[in-house]
Amino acid sequence: MAATSENPTHLLRLPEVKQRVGLSRSSLYAKIQRGEFPAPISLGARAVAWLDSEVADWISERVDASRGGAQ
């Protein structure tokens, strides 16, 4: 089953991103700083979200890499 969304602009807030990728908040932000995870989109002064499609692509890349695919 594909991890893509029917709506590519669906936004995910931090708790859902953490649940989907299995990483802590600090690990996510460290990966973002290193360019290893998609950056969030600012929704306001104190709110951010991630594009569902970008998170799904990142997950797919991790699966491919762990299965001996493109690294």
C-alpha atoms as a PDB file:
ATOM      1  CA  MET A   1       0.000   0.000   0.000  1.00  0.00           C
ATOM      2  CA  ALA A   2       1.445   3.364  -1.041  1.00  0.00           C
ATOM      3  CA  ALA A   3       2.077   6.013   1.588  1.00  0.00           C
ATOM      4  CA  THR A   4       0.990   8.863  -0.660  1.00  0.00           C
ATOM      5  CA  SER A   5      -1.974  11.066  -0.001  1.00  0.00           C
ATOM      6  CA  GLU A   6      -4.808  11.868  -2.379  1.00  0.00           C
ATOM      7  CA  ASN A   7      -4.394  15.526  -1.422  1.00  0.00           C
ATOM      8  CA  PRO A   8      -0.738  16.575  -1.919  1.00  0.00           C
ATOM      9  CA  THR A   9      -1.282  19.777   0.060  1.00  0.00           C
ATOM     10  CA  HIS A  10      -2.556  18.028   3.185  1.00  0.00           C
ATOM     11  CA  LEU A  11      -0.654  19.419   6.151  1.00  0.00           C
ATOM     12  CA  LEU A  12       0.662  17.437   9.103  1.00  0.00           C
ATOM     13  CA  ARG A  13       1.331  18.944  12.505  1.00  0.00           C
ATOM     14  CA  LEU A  14       4.298  17.865  14.637  1.00  0.00           C
ATOM     15  CA  PRO A  15       2.582  15.101  16.678  1.00  0.00           C
ATOM     16  CA  GLU A  16       1.458  13.327  13.504  1.00  0.00           C
ATOM     17  CA  VAL A  17       4.871  13.731  11.839  1.00  0.00           C
ATOM     18  CA  LYS A  18       6.570  12.284  14.921  1.00  0.00           C
ATOM     19  CA  GLN A  19       4.180   9.344  14.929  1.00  0.00           C
ATOM     20  CA  ARG A  20       4.604   8.639  11.216  1.00  0.00           C
ATOM     21  CA  VAL A  21       8.399   8.784  11.111  1.00  0.00           C
ATOM     22  CA  GLY A  22       9.163   7.467  14.594  1.00  0.00           C
ATOM     23  CA  LEU A  23      11.555  10.257  15.536  1.00  0.00           C
ATOM     24  CA  SER A  24      11.553  12.703  18.424  1.00  0.00           C
ATOM     25  CA  ARG A  25      11.070  16.440  17.992  1.00  0.00           C
ATOM     26  CA  SER A  26      14.780  17.134  18.570  1.00  0.00           C
ATOM     27  CA  SER A  27      15.827  14.444  16.073  1.00  0.00           C
ATOM     28  CA  LEU A  28      13.471  15.860  13.441  1.00  0.00           C
ATOM     29  CA  TYR A  29      14.775  19.401  13.843  1.00  0.00           C
ATOM     30  CA  ALA A  30      18.404  18.180  13.774  1.00  0.00           C
ATOM     31  CA  LYS A  31      17.695  16.379  10.497  1.00  0.00           C
ATOM     32  CA  ILE A  32      16.017  19.514   9.113  1.00  0.00           C
ATOM     33  CA  GLN A  33      19.123  21.590   9.965  1.00  0.00           C
ATOM     34  CA  ARG A  34      21.329  19.030   8.175  1.00  0.00           C
ATOM     35  CA  GLY A  35      19.016  18.997   5.142  1.00  0.00           C
ATOM     36  CA  GLU A  36      18.019  15.373   5.780  1.00  0.00           C
ATOM     37  CA  PHE A  37      14.303  15.979   6.373  1.00  0.00           C
ATOM     38  CA  PRO A  38      11.803  18.327   4.697  1.00  0.00           C
ATOM     39  CA  ALA A  39      11.525  21.744   6.315  1.00  0.00           C
ATOM     40  CA  PRO A  40       8.195  22.733   7.822  1.00  0.00           C
ATOM     41  CA  ILE A  41       5.913  25.403   6.421  1.00  0.00           C
ATOM     42  CA  SER A  42       5.148  28.363   8.647  1.00  0.00           C
ATOM     43  CA  LEU A  43       1.456  28.697   9.439  1.00  0.00           C
ATOM     44  CA  GLY A  44       1.839  31.669  11.725  1.00  0.00           C
ATOM     45  CA  ALA A  45       3.998  33.132  14.463  1.00  0.00           C
ATOM     46  CA  ARG A  46       4.105  29.911  16.505  1.00  0.00           C
ATOM     47  CA  ALA A  47       2.717  27.215  14.226  1.00  0.00           C
ATOM     48  CA  VAL A  48       4.319  25.023  11.572  1.00  0.00           C
ATOM     49  CA  ALA A  49       3.253  22.005   9.552  1.00  0.00           C
ATOM     50  CA  TRP A  50       4.735  19.628   7.008  1.00  0.00           C
ATOM     51  CA  LEU A  51       3.396  18.635   3.602  1.00  0.00           C
ATOM     52  CA  ASP A  52       2.045  15.092   3.774  1.00  0.00           C
ATOM     53  CA  SER A  53       3.498  14.337   0.334  1.00  0.00           C
ATOM     54  CA  GLU A  54       7.033  15.395   1.386  1.00  0.00           C
ATOM     55  CA  VAL A  55       6.896  13.303   4.568  1.00  0.00           C
ATOM     56  CA  ALA A  56       5.586  10.303   2.590  1.00  0.00           C
ATOM     57  CA  ASP A  57       8.418  10.721   0.050  1.00  0.00           C
ATOM     58  CA  TRP A  58      10.982  10.847   2.864  1.00  0.00           C
ATOM     59  CA  ILE A  59       9.569   7.638   4.349  1.00  0.00           C
ATOM     60  CA  SER A  60       9.673   5.930   0.938  1.00  0.00           C
ATOM     61  CA  GLU A  61      13.312   6.978   0.493  1.00  0.00           C
ATOM     62  CA  ARG A  62      14.207   5.480   3.884  1.00  0.00           C
ATOM     63  CA  VAL A  63      12.488   2.193   2.966  1.00  0.00           C
ATOM     64  CA  ASP A  64      14.299   2.064  -0.389  1.00  0.00           C
ATOM     65  CA  ALA A  65      17.650   2.762   1.261  1.00  0.00           C
ATOM     66  CA  SER A  66      17.117   0.075   3.904  1.00  0.00           C
ATOM     67  CA  ARG A  67      16.176  -2.473   1.259  1.00  0.00           C
ATOM     68  CA  GLY A  68      19.349  -1.932  -0.738  1.00  0.00           C
ATOM     69  CA  GLY A  69      17.881   0.540  -3.213  1.00  0.00           C
ATOM     70  CA  ALA A  70      19.185   3.994  -4.035  1.00  0.00           C
ATOM     71  CA  GLN A  71      21.154   5.529  -1.181  1.00  0.00           C
END
